[in-house]
Amino acid sequence: MGTRFFIIVLLFTFLIVGMRCNKEKPPKAIVTVVDTLDKPIAGATVKIYADPKRYQSSDTTIHYSTVGYFDPDQKQLYDIKTTDNEGKTYHDFKYEAIFYVYAYKLKKIAWNKYDTLKGYGALILRNNETYEEKVILRKKN
């Protein structure tokens, strides 16, 4: 009887500890910026953003106070980073969400003349996952 009780208590303890350890990890994203030849672009600016105005309702009783923010706790609308030598930026998020990606880089085409290369994408973030998005920069039309 004592051994059986000890085994049951031990199993119950492992079950409770195991359930506590399975905490979800917040989502992450890697944005890779490349040119039309699929070569990485270092020094490009990447902006991750969402527009909370898109989620406002005409019904004043409905209020989405945290929807559309990059960081809802700080009411931060976007995150801007510069790509590394591999053309990548790394982003950490707090919650699952969908964000827009806008990347650009000024390209010198003459002594005092520049062209802007631009690209767009989207991030679909889920807990416990790292989302990878490739953005292709093209000439501005």
Protein backbone atom coordinates (compact mmCIF):
# COMPACT_ATOMS: atom_id res chain seq x y z
CA MET A 1 0.00 0.00 0.00
CA GLY A 2 2.80 2.47 0.90
CA THR A 3 4.73 1.79 -2.31
CA ARG A 4 1.63 2.19 -4.47
CA PHE A 5 0.77 5.50 -2.74
CA PHE A 6 4.35 6.74 -3.23
CA ILE A 7 4.24 5.92 -6.97
CA ILE A 8 0.89 7.69 -7.41
CA VAL A 9 2.17 10.81 -5.61
CA LEU A 10 5.36 10.74 -7.68
CA LEU A 11 3.44 10.45 -10.97
CA PHE A 12 1.07 13.23 -9.93
CA THR A 13 4.04 15.49 -9.11
CA PHE A 14 5.68 14.83 -12.50
CA LEU A 15 2.37 15.53 -14.23
CA ILE A 16 1.96 18.93 -12.53
CA VAL A 17 5.58 19.93 -13.14
CA GLY A 18 5.34 18.81 -16.77
CA MET A 19 2.22 20.92 -17.38
CA ARG A 20 3.93 24.02 -15.99
CA CYS A 21 6.97 23.60 -18.25
CA ASN A 22 4.96 23.59 -21.48
CA LYS A 23 4.61 27.36 -21.61
CA GLU A 24 4.20 28.74 -25.12
CA LYS A 25 7.09 30.71 -26.55
CA PRO A 26 6.26 34.04 -28.19
CA PRO A 27 6.54 34.23 -31.98
CA LYS A 28 9.65 35.35 -33.83
CA ALA A 29 10.31 36.42 -37.41
CA ILE A 30 13.24 36.64 -39.76
CA VAL A 31 12.93 38.99 -42.72
CA THR A 32 15.36 38.46 -45.59
CA VAL A 33 15.75 41.28 -48.11
CA VAL A 34 17.04 40.37 -51.57
CA ASP A 35 17.31 41.95 -55.01
CA THR A 36 15.69 40.61 -58.18
CA LEU A 37 18.66 38.24 -58.66
CA ASP A 38 18.01 36.76 -55.18
CA LYS A 39 21.18 38.30 -53.71
CA PRO A 40 20.95 39.57 -50.11
CA ILE A 41 20.90 43.34 -49.63
CA ALA A 42 22.83 44.65 -46.63
CA GLY A 43 21.88 48.00 -45.12
CA ALA A 44 18.23 47.97 -46.23
CA THR A 45 15.64 49.40 -43.85
CA VAL A 46 12.86 47.02 -42.75
CA LYS A 47 9.69 48.31 -41.12
CA ILE A 48 7.26 45.89 -39.43
CA TYR A 49 3.91 47.54 -38.80
CA ALA A 50 0.17 47.29 -38.46
CA ASP A 51 -2.40 50.03 -38.70
CA PRO A 52 -4.78 50.06 -35.70
CA LYS A 53 -7.12 52.41 -37.62
CA ARG A 54 -8.01 49.48 -39.86
CA TYR A 55 -9.57 47.77 -36.85
CA GLN A 56 -11.69 50.66 -35.59
CA SER A 57 -15.41 50.14 -35.80
CA SER A 58 -18.11 52.73 -36.43
CA ASP A 59 -19.88 51.22 -33.42
CA THR A 60 -18.43 53.12 -30.42
CA THR A 61 -19.24 50.24 -28.05
CA ILE A 62 -16.66 48.07 -29.84
CA HIS A 63 -13.10 49.01 -28.98
CA TYR A 64 -10.00 47.14 -30.12
CA SER A 65 -7.44 48.88 -27.95
CA THR A 66 -4.54 46.49 -28.52
CA VAL A 67 -5.18 45.29 -32.06
CA GLY A 68 -2.77 46.51 -34.69
CA TYR A 69 0.11 47.44 -32.44
CA PHE A 70 3.61 45.99 -32.76
CA ASP A 71 3.85 46.26 -28.97
CA PRO A 72 0.36 46.67 -27.46
CA ASP A 73 1.70 47.24 -23.94
CA GLN A 74 3.71 50.28 -25.06
CA LYS A 75 1.24 51.33 -27.82
CA GLN A 76 4.15 51.06 -30.28
CA LEU A 77 2.95 50.92 -33.88
CA TYR A 78 6.04 49.63 -35.66
CA ASP A 79 9.56 48.25 -35.45
CA ILE A 80 12.36 49.45 -37.73
CA LYS A 81 15.64 47.60 -38.21
CA THR A 82 18.49 47.55 -40.73
CA THR A 83 19.53 44.36 -42.50
CA ASP A 84 22.84 42.72 -41.67
CA ASN A 85 25.43 41.50 -44.22
CA GLU A 86 23.21 38.51 -45.01
CA GLY A 87 20.24 40.80 -45.74
CA LYS A 88 18.37 39.68 -42.62
CA THR A 89 16.59 41.30 -39.69
CA TYR A 90 15.43 39.44 -36.58
CA HIS A 91 12.25 40.36 -34.71
CA ASP A 92 10.72 39.18 -31.44
CA PHE A 93 7.02 39.62 -30.70
CA LYS A 94 4.80 39.22 -27.67
CA TYR A 95 1.62 37.89 -29.28
CA GLU A 96 0.33 36.08 -32.33
CA ALA A 97 -0.56 38.56 -35.08
CA ILE A 98 -0.35 39.51 -38.73
CA PHE A 99 1.93 42.41 -39.68
CA TYR A 100 2.90 44.20 -42.87
CA VAL A 101 6.53 44.40 -43.95
CA TYR A 102 7.94 47.33 -45.91
CA ALA A 103 11.61 47.31 -46.94
CA TYR A 104 13.55 49.92 -48.86
CA LYS A 105 17.05 50.98 -49.80
CA LEU A 106 18.42 54.01 -51.58
CA LYS A 107 20.58 53.02 -54.53
CA LYS A 108 23.03 55.53 -55.95
CA ILE A 109 22.66 55.70 -59.74
CA ALA A 110 24.69 58.83 -60.42
CA TRP A 111 26.90 61.32 -58.59
CA ASN A 112 23.95 63.07 -56.92
CA LYS A 113 21.04 60.92 -58.01
CA TYR A 114 19.43 58.06 -56.11
CA ASP A 115 16.74 55.53 -56.86
CA THR A 116 14.62 53.90 -54.15
CA LEU A 117 14.29 50.13 -54.21
CA LYS A 118 11.13 48.97 -52.42
CA GLY A 119 9.50 45.71 -51.41
CA TYR A 120 6.52 44.53 -49.41
CA GLY A 121 5.53 41.40 -47.52
CA ALA A 122 3.55 40.09 -44.59
CA LEU A 123 4.24 38.19 -41.38
CA ILE A 124 1.81 35.62 -40.02
CA LEU A 125 2.95 35.00 -36.46
CA ARG A 126 2.11 32.00 -34.29
CA ASN A 127 3.40 31.04 -30.86
CA ASN A 128 6.31 28.57 -30.76
CA GLU A 129 7.21 29.38 -34.39
CA THR A 130 9.72 31.49 -36.29
CA TYR A 131 8.19 32.93 -39.44
CA GLU A 132 10.54 33.63 -42.34
CA GLU A 133 9.62 36.19 -45.01
CA LYS A 134 11.61 37.06 -48.12
CA VAL A 135 11.12 40.58 -49.50
CA ILE A 136 12.32 41.36 -53.01
CA LEU A 137 13.38 44.96 -53.58
CA ARG A 138 12.52 46.46 -56.98
CA LYS A 139 12.81 49.88 -58.58
CA LYS A 140 10.17 52.42 -57.68
CA ASN A 141 7.63 52.88 -60.48
